[in-house]
């Protein structure tokens, strides 16, 4: 893909992705909102979530503005370059604003999706699955689209089309701004979530005459609010930061090869391959359609595999047309395979159908001590397997990078190896929109289950929401 087409393609895909997220939001928000009791409980959750976000963002932005000024001044003084300081500060503010906006809109739709999921569960599992997953997909696609548009926009505004070797160093502030919001959103939301969760359990066990899932216990509503602000807005800000920072990092690494080849494709490739990934994920989302009697996870896995296989095709096309090396395609393929491995490792260690969770459940029969010991042991085992997968992916992608360097004859082996790992990272993040949709699916189904419980919905509704909540706990992990 020529440089002249690269940036316009990225912008077009980014804008179409925002439009696709808008379509998904419209499709969810037009659904039935259930019984008056369901609407009342959902209204309390919505009010609490918005109040939390307003207070959190006020605090974030008070500190962010001061931080942006300090960044601009310090960089200007240290580098003796006022223009660089101003550009970095502006990029910081844009990154923080884009992350905040994606989190706000995504959580708004997620909170509105919970009552519609509970209502859909009155009719069928496939409808409830579609509503909840599409509600989560709004957040996933908005976060990836705004990250992509933000990085590409700052890159273009800072002269990326004219001097692609310099512009990536000017947009680092965007990633820092996104990281700044993620720090507060993930930690603040996560601490609030756990505090409310434990508080609700304590009150339910201590207060006489108030069951654990009774809306008269204010902490129950706070717990459901926490699922949204922690697992939706907080996790969304975290992944926004991850995708933006990895994208910028890969572009900076591409500058080293651009300096040798004078081909801007090395700098633009991370943007283009992420745009292709969003397209693949959009197709995958449309394949998530549940069937009566089917495990909801099977429908999610089906959509994920569709997205992944399309990503493989797009990755091959982009590496061959832009970079011209089959070895870099293999490096990117390593990243995609690693992403698939993470999904199935997580499912194995967190789904109730497999050994680890069953062992923890069995250990719980003899008391809390054995439960904790068994849980920690499984947790260590999980991280060990994940670390081995990451290490193997790094070694394999670096090896393919050295083969690419040897093939070129002009690129140093270490530069090829490092860029190979960057390509693998881009491959791994190609399915980020779908993975984030599955992540946000978790709090939506959790909230739907709480609403069904507190509105005293029929047992058939509870059966559907419980099945999806069990899957949601896995996808959140």
Protein backbone atom coordinates (compact mmCIF):
# COMPACT_ATOMS: atom_id res chain seq x y z
CA UNK A 1 0.00 0.00 0.00
CA UNK A 2 1.51 3.32 -1.09
CA UNK A 3 2.20 6.09 1.43
CA UNK A 4 -0.33 8.31 -0.34
CA UNK A 5 -3.05 5.74 0.38
CA UNK A 6 -1.92 4.62 3.85
CA UNK A 7 -3.07 7.54 5.99
CA UNK A 8 -6.35 8.16 4.11
CA UNK A 9 -7.14 4.44 4.46
CA UNK A 10 -6.54 4.61 8.21
CA UNK A 11 -8.76 7.68 8.60
CA UNK A 12 -11.56 6.15 6.51
CA UNK A 13 -11.49 2.92 8.52
CA UNK A 14 -11.40 4.87 11.79
CA UNK A 15 -14.43 6.97 10.84
CA UNK A 16 -16.34 3.92 9.56
CA UNK A 17 -15.53 2.11 12.82
CA UNK A 18 -17.04 4.96 14.84
CA UNK A 19 -20.11 4.73 12.58
CA UNK A 20 -20.24 0.95 13.13
CA UNK A 21 -20.09 1.49 16.90
CA UNK A 22 -22.94 3.98 16.49
CA UNK A 23 -24.97 1.36 14.62
CA UNK A 24 -24.36 -1.20 17.38
CA UNK A 25 -25.37 1.36 20.01
CA UNK A 26 -28.57 2.15 18.09
CA UNK A 27 -29.34 -1.56 17.75
CA UNK A 28 -28.97 -2.07 21.51
CA UNK A 29 -30.74 1.09 22.70
CA UNK A 30 -33.83 0.43 20.57
CA UNK A 31 -34.50 -2.83 22.44
CA UNK A 32 -37.16 -3.34 25.09
CA UNK A 33 -36.22 -2.13 28.59
CA UNK A 34 -38.22 -4.71 30.52
CA UNK A 35 -40.56 -4.38 33.46
CA UNK A 36 -40.96 -1.17 35.51
CA UNK A 37 -39.03 -2.83 38.36
CA UNK A 38 -36.14 -3.67 36.02
CA UNK A 39 -36.11 -0.08 34.76
CA UNK A 40 -36.08 1.27 38.32
CA UNK A 41 -33.06 -0.81 39.34
CA UNK A 42 -31.25 -0.03 36.08
CA UNK A 43 -31.89 3.67 36.68
CA UNK A 44 -30.17 3.47 40.07
CA UNK A 45 -27.15 1.74 38.51
CA UNK A 46 -26.98 4.34 35.74
CA UNK A 47 -27.20 7.23 38.20
CA UNK A 48 -24.42 5.79 40.35
CA UNK A 49 -22.14 5.05 37.40
CA UNK A 50 -22.51 8.53 35.93
CA UNK A 51 -21.94 10.14 39.35
CA UNK A 52 -18.74 8.13 39.77
CA UNK A 53 -17.46 9.03 36.31
CA UNK A 54 -18.23 12.73 36.76
CA UNK A 55 -16.27 12.84 39.99
CA UNK A 56 -13.44 10.73 38.66
CA UNK A 57 -13.01 12.73 35.46
CA UNK A 58 -13.11 16.03 37.37
CA UNK A 59 -10.17 14.83 39.45
CA UNK A 60 -8.33 13.39 36.45
CA UNK A 61 -8.65 16.56 34.40
CA UNK A 62 -7.64 18.90 37.21
CA UNK A 63 -4.38 16.96 37.51
CA UNK A 64 -4.08 16.36 33.74
CA UNK A 65 -4.10 20.07 32.89
CA UNK A 66 -1.38 20.78 35.45
CA UNK A 67 0.62 17.79 34.19
CA UNK A 68 0.31 18.91 30.56
CA UNK A 69 1.66 22.35 31.44
CA UNK A 70 4.56 20.82 33.39
CA UNK A 71 5.37 18.45 30.51
CA UNK A 72 5.40 21.30 28.01
CA UNK A 73 7.59 23.51 30.19
CA UNK A 74 10.05 20.81 31.27
CA UNK A 75 10.54 19.37 27.77
CA UNK A 76 10.97 22.87 26.39
CA UNK A 77 13.63 23.67 28.99
CA UNK A 78 15.49 20.33 28.93
CA UNK A 79 15.52 20.01 25.13
CA UNK A 80 15.90 23.76 24.56
CA UNK A 81 13.00 23.41 22.15
CA UNK A 82 9.81 25.26 23.02
CA UNK A 83 7.99 23.92 19.97
CA UNK A 84 8.68 20.32 21.00
CA UNK A 85 7.35 21.02 24.49
CA UNK A 86 4.15 22.57 23.18
CA UNK A 87 3.55 19.75 20.69
CA UNK A 88 4.10 17.09 23.35
CA UNK A 89 1.74 18.85 25.77
CA UNK A 90 -0.96 19.12 23.09
CA UNK A 91 -0.55 15.44 22.20
CA UNK A 92 -0.84 14.60 25.92
CA UNK A 93 -4.15 16.47 26.21
CA UNK A 94 -5.52 14.89 23.02
CA UNK A 95 -4.59 11.40 24.24
CA UNK A 96 -6.22 11.98 27.62
CA UNK A 97 -9.34 13.46 26.00
CA UNK A 98 -9.73 10.60 23.51
CA UNK A 99 -9.33 8.01 26.26
CA UNK A 100 -11.85 9.80 28.49
CA UNK A 101 -14.38 10.13 25.67
CA UNK A 102 -14.11 6.47 24.68
CA UNK A 103 -14.55 5.40 28.30
CA UNK A 104 -17.53 7.68 28.88
CA UNK A 105 -19.49 6.68 25.76
CA UNK A 106 -18.61 3.01 26.10
CA UNK A 107 -19.73 2.86 29.71
CA UNK A 108 -22.93 4.80 28.94
CA UNK A 109 -23.97 2.19 26.39
CA UNK A 110 -22.82 -0.68 28.64
CA UNK A 111 -24.96 0.57 31.54
CA UNK A 112 -27.92 1.02 29.22
CA UNK A 113 -27.38 -2.50 27.86
CA UNK A 114 -27.80 -4.32 31.17
CA UNK A 115 -31.56 -3.83 31.55
CA UNK A 116 -32.09 -4.63 27.87
CA UNK A 117 -30.14 -7.85 28.35
CA UNK A 118 -32.29 -8.76 31.36
CA UNK A 119 -35.40 -8.00 29.32
CA UNK A 120 -34.15 -10.07 26.36
CA UNK A 121 -33.49 -12.98 28.72
CA UNK A 122 -37.24 -13.15 29.26
CA UNK A 123 -37.54 -14.28 25.66
CA UNK A 124 -34.44 -16.29 24.69
CA UNK A 125 -30.74 -16.87 25.31
CA UNK A 126 -29.68 -15.97 21.73
CA UNK A 127 -31.35 -12.55 21.95
CA UNK A 128 -29.87 -11.83 25.39
CA UNK A 129 -26.42 -12.86 24.13
CA UNK A 130 -26.67 -10.61 21.09
CA UNK A 131 -27.80 -7.58 23.10
CA UNK A 132 -25.10 -7.96 25.76
CA UNK A 133 -22.26 -8.67 23.34
CA UNK A 134 -23.17 -5.84 20.99
CA UNK A 135 -23.41 -3.52 23.99
CA UNK A 136 -19.86 -4.53 24.90
CA UNK A 137 -18.73 -4.18 21.28
CA UNK A 138 -19.68 -0.48 21.31
CA UNK A 139 -17.01 0.12 23.93
CA UNK A 140 -14.47 -2.11 22.19
CA UNK A 141 -14.79 -0.51 18.77
CA UNK A 142 -14.95 3.06 20.08
CA UNK A 143 -11.79 2.60 22.10
CA UNK A 144 -9.84 1.09 19.21
CA UNK A 145 -11.23 3.59 16.67
CA UNK A 146 -10.48 6.67 18.78
CA UNK A 147 -7.02 5.32 19.58
CA UNK A 148 -6.37 4.75 15.87
CA UNK A 149 -7.78 8.12 14.80
CA UNK A 150 -5.94 9.90 17.60
CA UNK A 151 -2.52 8.47 16.78
CA UNK A 152 -3.02 8.91 13.01
CA UNK A 153 -4.43 12.42 13.46
CA UNK A 154 -1.56 13.66 15.63
CA UNK A 155 0.92 11.94 13.30
CA UNK A 156 -0.57 13.73 10.27
CA UNK A 157 -0.88 17.07 12.09
CA UNK A 158 2.77 16.93 13.13
CA UNK A 159 3.99 16.41 9.57
CA UNK A 160 3.90 12.64 9.26
CA UNK A 161 3.07 12.77 5.57
CA UNK A 162 6.03 15.08 4.91
CA UNK A 163 8.61 13.80 7.38
CA UNK A 164 7.60 10.32 8.61
CA UNK A 165 10.99 9.87 10.22
CA UNK A 166 10.44 12.71 12.70
CA UNK A 167 6.71 12.76 13.43
CA UNK A 168 6.53 9.53 15.53
CA UNK A 169 8.80 11.09 18.15
CA UNK A 170 6.43 14.06 18.44
CA UNK A 171 3.35 11.96 19.23
CA UNK A 172 4.73 10.18 22.30
CA UNK A 173 2.71 12.61 24.42
CA UNK A 174 -0.50 11.02 23.08
CA UNK A 175 0.42 7.68 24.60
CA UNK A 176 1.43 9.35 27.85
CA UNK A 177 -1.93 11.14 28.04
CA UNK A 178 -3.77 7.88 27.47
CA UNK A 179 -1.62 6.20 30.15
CA UNK A 180 -2.38 9.02 32.57
CA UNK A 181 -6.15 8.48 32.28
CA UNK A 182 -5.72 4.69 32.42
CA UNK A 183 -3.75 4.95 35.67
CA UNK A 184 -6.58 6.75 37.46
CA UNK A 185 -9.45 4.93 35.76
CA UNK A 186 -8.11 1.42 36.29
CA UNK A 187 -6.88 1.90 39.85
CA UNK A 188 -9.76 4.11 40.98
CA UNK A 189 -12.40 1.96 39.35
CA UNK A 190 -10.79 -1.29 40.49
CA UNK A 191 -10.49 -0.24 44.14
CA UNK A 192 -14.06 1.07 44.14
CA UNK A 193 -15.30 -2.19 42.59
CA UNK A 194 -13.72 -4.43 45.20
CA UNK A 195 -14.68 -2.18 48.12
CA UNK A 196 -18.33 -2.12 47.02
CA UNK A 197 -18.32 -5.88 46.36
CA UNK A 198 -17.00 -6.78 49.80
CA UNK A 199 -19.21 -4.15 51.46
CA UNK A 200 -22.33 -5.60 49.85
CA UNK A 201 -21.40 -9.12 50.97
CA UNK A 202 -20.70 -7.99 54.55
CA UNK A 203 -24.01 -6.16 54.89
CA UNK A 204 -25.91 -9.06 53.37
CA UNK A 205 -24.40 -11.46 55.88
CA UNK A 206 -24.64 -9.23 58.96
CA UNK A 207 -27.87 -7.24 58.62
CA UNK A 208 -30.94 -9.21 59.68
CA UNK A 209 -33.76 -9.45 57.19
CA UNK A 210 -31.83 -8.07 54.18
CA UNK A 211 -30.72 -10.68 51.61
CA UNK A 212 -27.41 -10.18 49.80
CA UNK A 213 -29.09 -9.20 46.50
CA UNK A 214 -31.64 -6.76 47.92
CA UNK A 215 -31.70 -3.20 46.48
CA UNK A 216 -32.41 -1.88 50.00
CA UNK A 217 -28.74 -2.65 50.60
CA UNK A 218 -27.14 0.37 48.90
CA UNK A 219 -23.85 -1.48 48.56
CA UNK A 220 -25.51 -3.94 46.16
CA UNK A 221 -26.18 -1.09 43.72
CA UNK A 222 -22.66 0.22 44.34
CA UNK A 223 -21.33 -3.26 43.52
CA UNK A 224 -23.14 -3.27 40.17
CA UNK A 225 -21.90 0.28 39.52
CA UNK A 226 -18.38 -0.92 40.27
CA UNK A 227 -18.61 -3.65 37.66
CA UNK A 228 -19.11 -0.91 35.06
CA UNK A 229 -16.58 1.67 36.24
CA UNK A 230 -13.90 -0.95 36.90
CA UNK A 231 -14.37 -3.60 34.24
CA UNK A 232 -15.75 -1.34 31.51
CA UNK A 233 -14.45 2.23 31.84
CA UNK A 234 -11.28 1.27 33.72
CA UNK A 235 -10.32 -1.67 31.55
CA UNK A 236 -11.25 0.31 28.45
CA UNK A 237 -8.88 3.13 29.40
CA UNK A 238 -6.18 0.56 30.10
CA UNK A 239 -6.54 -1.06 26.67
CA UNK A 240 -6.81 2.34 24.97
CA UNK A 241 -3.44 3.17 26.47
CA UNK A 242 -1.98 -0.21 25.52
CA UNK A 243 -3.03 -0.04 21.87
CA UNK A 244 -1.94 3.60 21.50
CA UNK A 245 1.42 3.11 23.20
CA UNK A 246 2.23 -0.09 21.30
CA UNK A 247 1.25 1.59 18.04
CA UNK A 248 3.50 4.58 18.70
CA UNK A 249 6.34 2.34 19.85
CA UNK A 250 6.16 0.24 16.68
CA UNK A 251 6.15 3.40 14.54
CA UNK A 252 9.26 4.68 16.33
CA UNK A 253 11.00 1.33 15.76
CA UNK A 254 9.98 1.57 12.11
CA UNK A 255 11.87 4.87 11.87
CA UNK A 256 15.15 2.95 12.29
CA UNK A 257 14.44 0.94 9.13
CA UNK A 258 12.99 3.97 7.35
CA UNK A 259 16.35 5.69 7.88
CA UNK A 260 18.00 2.87 5.91
CA UNK A 261 15.42 2.22 3.19
CA UNK A 262 13.80 5.68 2.94
CA UNK A 263 10.46 3.85 2.60
CA UNK A 264 7.71 5.39 4.81
CA UNK A 265 5.79 2.10 4.76
CA UNK A 266 7.86 0.97 7.76
CA UNK A 267 6.43 3.83 9.83
CA UNK A 268 2.87 3.61 8.50
CA UNK A 269 2.55 -0.18 8.74
CA UNK A 270 1.42 -0.30 12.41
CA UNK A 271 -1.46 2.08 11.64
CA UNK A 272 -2.54 0.19 8.53
CA UNK A 273 -2.42 -3.26 10.11
CA UNK A 274 -4.50 -2.06 13.06
CA UNK A 275 -7.06 -0.63 10.64
CA UNK A 276 -7.26 -4.03 8.95
CA UNK A 277 -7.69 -5.64 12.36
CA UNK A 278 -10.71 -3.46 13.15
CA UNK A 279 -12.36 -4.50 9.88
CA UNK A 280 -11.80 -8.17 10.72
CA UNK A 281 -13.25 -7.71 14.21
CA UNK A 282 -16.35 -6.00 12.81
CA UNK A 283 -17.00 -9.04 10.63
CA UNK A 284 -16.40 -11.33 13.61
CA UNK A 285 -18.95 -9.47 15.74
CA UNK A 286 -21.66 -10.09 13.16
CA UNK A 287 -20.99 -13.84 13.44
CA UNK A 288 -21.75 -13.91 17.17
CA UNK A 289 -25.23 -15.41 17.13
CA UNK A 290 -26.23 -17.80 19.88
CA UNK A 291 -28.33 -20.91 19.52
CA UNK A 292 -30.83 -22.36 21.95
CA UNK A 293 -29.13 -24.85 24.25
CA UNK A 294 -25.63 -23.78 23.15
CA UNK A 295 -22.96 -22.58 25.57
CA UNK A 296 -22.66 -18.78 25.06
CA UNK A 297 -18.87 -19.15 25.03
CA UNK A 298 -19.13 -21.26 21.87
CA UNK A 299 -20.83 -18.38 20.04
CA UNK A 300 -18.18 -15.91 21.24
CA UNK A 301 -15.37 -18.27 20.22
CA UNK A 302 -16.96 -18.68 16.80
CA UNK A 303 -16.94 -14.93 16.21
CA UNK A 304 -13.39 -14.66 17.55
CA UNK A 305 -12.13 -17.35 15.16
CA UNK A 306 -13.78 -15.60 12.21
CA UNK A 307 -12.05 -12.35 13.19
CA UNK A 308 -8.70 -14.11 13.69
CA UNK A 309 -8.75 -15.93 10.35
CA UNK A 310 -9.60 -12.71 8.51
CA UNK A 311 -6.75 -11.02 10.40
CA UNK A 312 -4.35 -13.67 9.06
CA UNK A 313 -5.39 -12.82 5.50
CA UNK A 314 -5.13 -9.07 6.08
CA UNK A 315 -1.78 -9.47 7.82
CA UNK A 316 -0.38 -11.38 4.85
CA UNK A 317 -1.68 -8.79 2.37
CA UNK A 318 -0.31 -5.83 4.35
CA UNK A 319 3.13 -7.34 5.03
CA UNK A 320 3.58 -8.36 1.39
CA UNK A 321 2.37 -5.10 -0.16
CA UNK A 322 4.00 -2.72 2.33
CA UNK A 323 7.06 -4.55 3.68
CA UNK A 324 7.65 -7.25 1.08
CA UNK A 325 8.89 -9.92 3.49
CA UNK A 326 7.33 -13.28 4.28
CA UNK A 327 9.43 -13.43 7.46
CA UNK A 328 7.67 -10.39 8.90
CA UNK A 329 4.34 -12.03 8.10
CA UNK A 330 5.46 -15.01 10.17
CA UNK A 331 6.46 -12.62 12.98
CA UNK A 332 2.98 -11.07 12.93
CA UNK A 333 1.44 -14.53 12.78
CA UNK A 334 3.29 -15.38 15.99
CA UNK A 335 1.50 -12.43 17.63
CA UNK A 336 -1.90 -13.60 16.40
CA UNK A 337 -1.24 -17.14 17.62
CA UNK A 338 -0.17 -15.75 21.00
CA UNK A 339 -3.42 -13.79 21.27
CA UNK A 340 -5.40 -16.97 20.56
CA UNK A 341 -3.30 -18.81 23.16
CA UNK A 342 -4.08 -16.15 25.77
CA UNK A 343 -7.82 -16.48 25.08
CA UNK A 344 -7.79 -20.25 25.55
CA UNK A 345 -5.39 -20.21 28.49
CA UNK A 346 -7.77 -17.80 30.21
CA UNK A 347 -10.79 -19.95 29.41
CA UNK A 348 -9.06 -23.07 30.70
CA UNK A 349 -8.09 -21.51 34.02
CA UNK A 350 -11.31 -19.56 34.70
CA UNK A 351 -14.19 -21.57 33.18
CA UNK A 352 -16.02 -24.02 35.41
CA UNK A 353 -15.85 -26.83 32.88
CA UNK A 354 -12.10 -27.37 33.34
CA UNK A 355 -9.80 -28.81 36.01
CA UNK A 356 -8.46 -25.62 37.70
CA UNK A 357 -11.83 -24.17 38.76
CA UNK A 358 -13.17 -27.60 39.67
CA UNK A 359 -10.16 -28.22 41.92
CA UNK A 360 -10.70 -24.88 43.67
CA UNK A 361 -14.39 -25.70 44.15
CA UNK A 362 -13.48 -29.12 45.56
CA UNK A 363 -10.94 -27.53 47.93
CA UNK A 364 -13.61 -25.12 49.17
CA UNK A 365 -15.53 -28.00 50.73
CA UNK A 366 -12.93 -28.30 53.49
CA UNK A 367 -12.83 -24.61 54.40
CA UNK A 368 -11.57 -21.15 53.39
CA UNK A 369 -7.89 -21.97 54.00
CA UNK A 370 -7.77 -24.73 51.39
CA UNK A 371 -9.78 -22.53 49.04
CA UNK A 372 -7.20 -19.74 49.29
CA UNK A 373 -4.22 -22.09 48.95
CA UNK A 374 -5.73 -23.83 45.93
CA UNK A 375 -6.70 -20.52 44.32
CA UNK A 376 -3.22 -19.03 44.75
CA UNK A 377 -1.62 -22.18 43.36
CA UNK A 378 -3.80 -22.05 40.26
CA UNK A 379 -3.06 -18.33 39.91
CA UNK A 380 0.70 -18.98 39.93
CA UNK A 381 0.26 -21.78 37.42
CA UNK A 382 -1.69 -19.45 35.13
CA UNK A 383 0.97 -16.74 35.18
CA UNK A 384 3.71 -19.31 34.55
CA UNK A 385 1.98 -20.63 31.42
CA UNK A 386 1.32 -17.09 30.21
CA UNK A 387 4.93 -16.02 30.82
CA UNK A 388 6.21 -19.04 28.88
CA UNK A 389 3.89 -18.16 25.98
CA UNK A 390 5.15 -14.56 25.95
CA UNK A 391 8.78 -15.65 26.09
CA UNK A 392 8.31 -18.11 23.24
CA UNK A 393 6.54 -15.45 21.16
CA UNK A 394 9.36 -12.96 21.73
CA UNK A 395 12.03 -15.47 20.73
CA UNK A 396 10.14 -16.65 17.65
CA UNK A 397 9.28 -13.14 16.40
CA UNK A 398 12.83 -11.91 17.01
CA UNK A 399 14.16 -14.91 15.07
CA UNK A 400 11.90 -14.15 12.10
CA UNK A 401 13.05 -10.53 12.34
CA UNK A 402 16.70 -11.59 12.02
CA UNK A 403 15.82 -13.71 8.97
CA UNK A 404 14.19 -10.65 7.44
CA UNK A 405 17.31 -8.58 8.17
CA UNK A 406 19.57 -11.22 6.62
CA UNK A 407 17.33 -11.33 3.55
CA UNK A 408 17.48 -7.55 3.12
CA UNK A 409 21.29 -7.40 3.31
CA UNK A 410 21.26 -3.78 4.52
CA UNK A 411 19.38 -3.90 7.83
CA UNK A 412 21.33 -4.85 11.00
CA UNK A 413 20.26 -8.11 12.63
CA UNK A 414 19.39 -6.45 15.95
CA UNK A 415 17.16 -3.89 14.21
CA UNK A 416 15.38 -6.67 12.36
CA UNK A 417 14.90 -8.67 15.56
CA UNK A 418 13.44 -5.72 17.46
CA UNK A 419 11.14 -4.80 14.60
CA UNK A 420 10.05 -8.45 14.39
CA UNK A 421 8.82 -8.27 17.99
CA UNK A 422 7.00 -5.03 17.15
CA UNK A 423 5.25 -6.73 14.22
CA UNK A 424 4.26 -9.58 16.55
CA UNK A 425 2.76 -7.05 18.96
CA UNK A 426 0.77 -5.49 16.13
CA UNK A 427 -0.46 -8.95 15.16
CA UNK A 428 -1.50 -9.66 18.73
CA UNK A 429 -3.43 -6.38 18.92
CA UNK A 430 -5.28 -6.88 15.63
CA UNK A 431 -8.14 -8.56 17.52
CA UNK A 432 -8.13 -6.00 20.35
CA UNK A 433 -11.61 -4.67 19.48
CA UNK A 434 -13.15 -8.13 19.70
CA UNK A 435 -11.31 -9.01 22.91
CA UNK A 436 -12.42 -5.75 24.52
CA UNK A 437 -16.00 -6.45 23.41
CA UNK A 438 -15.80 -9.80 25.23
CA UNK A 439 -14.34 -8.03 28.26
CA UNK A 440 -17.17 -5.47 28.47
CA UNK A 441 -19.67 -8.28 27.88
CA UNK A 442 -18.76 -9.40 31.42
CA UNK A 443 -20.07 -6.45 33.47
CA UNK A 444 -23.16 -6.20 31.24
CA UNK A 445 -24.16 -9.81 31.94
CA UNK A 446 -23.26 -9.41 35.62
CA UNK A 447 -25.52 -6.37 35.89
CA UNK A 448 -28.28 -8.15 33.95
CA UNK A 449 -28.14 -11.01 36.43
CA UNK A 450 -28.36 -8.59 39.35
CA UNK A 451 -31.33 -6.80 37.80
CA UNK A 452 -33.11 -10.11 37.15
CA UNK A 453 -32.44 -11.19 40.74
CA UNK A 454 -33.63 -7.96 42.35
CA UNK A 455 -36.67 -7.58 40.11
CA UNK A 456 -37.75 -11.11 41.07
CA UNK A 457 -37.76 -12.29 37.46
CA UNK A 458 -38.89 -15.87 36.73
CA UNK A 459 -36.48 -18.74 37.24
CA UNK A 460 -36.15 -19.22 33.46
CA UNK A 461 -34.76 -15.67 33.15
CA UNK A 462 -32.34 -16.27 36.01
CA UNK A 463 -31.17 -19.47 34.33
CA UNK A 464 -30.24 -17.54 31.16
CA UNK A 465 -28.56 -14.62 32.96
CA UNK A 466 -26.62 -17.01 35.22
CA UNK A 467 -25.31 -18.92 32.20
CA UNK A 468 -24.15 -15.69 30.54
CA UNK A 469 -22.73 -14.33 33.81
CA UNK A 470 -20.58 -17.45 34.18
CA UNK A 471 -19.21 -16.85 30.68
CA UNK A 472 -18.82 -13.14 31.43
CA UNK A 473 -16.60 -13.90 34.42
CA UNK A 474 -14.28 -15.78 32.06
CA UNK A 475 -14.26 -13.11 29.33
CA UNK A 476 -13.49 -10.41 31.92
CA UNK A 477 -10.36 -12.32 32.85
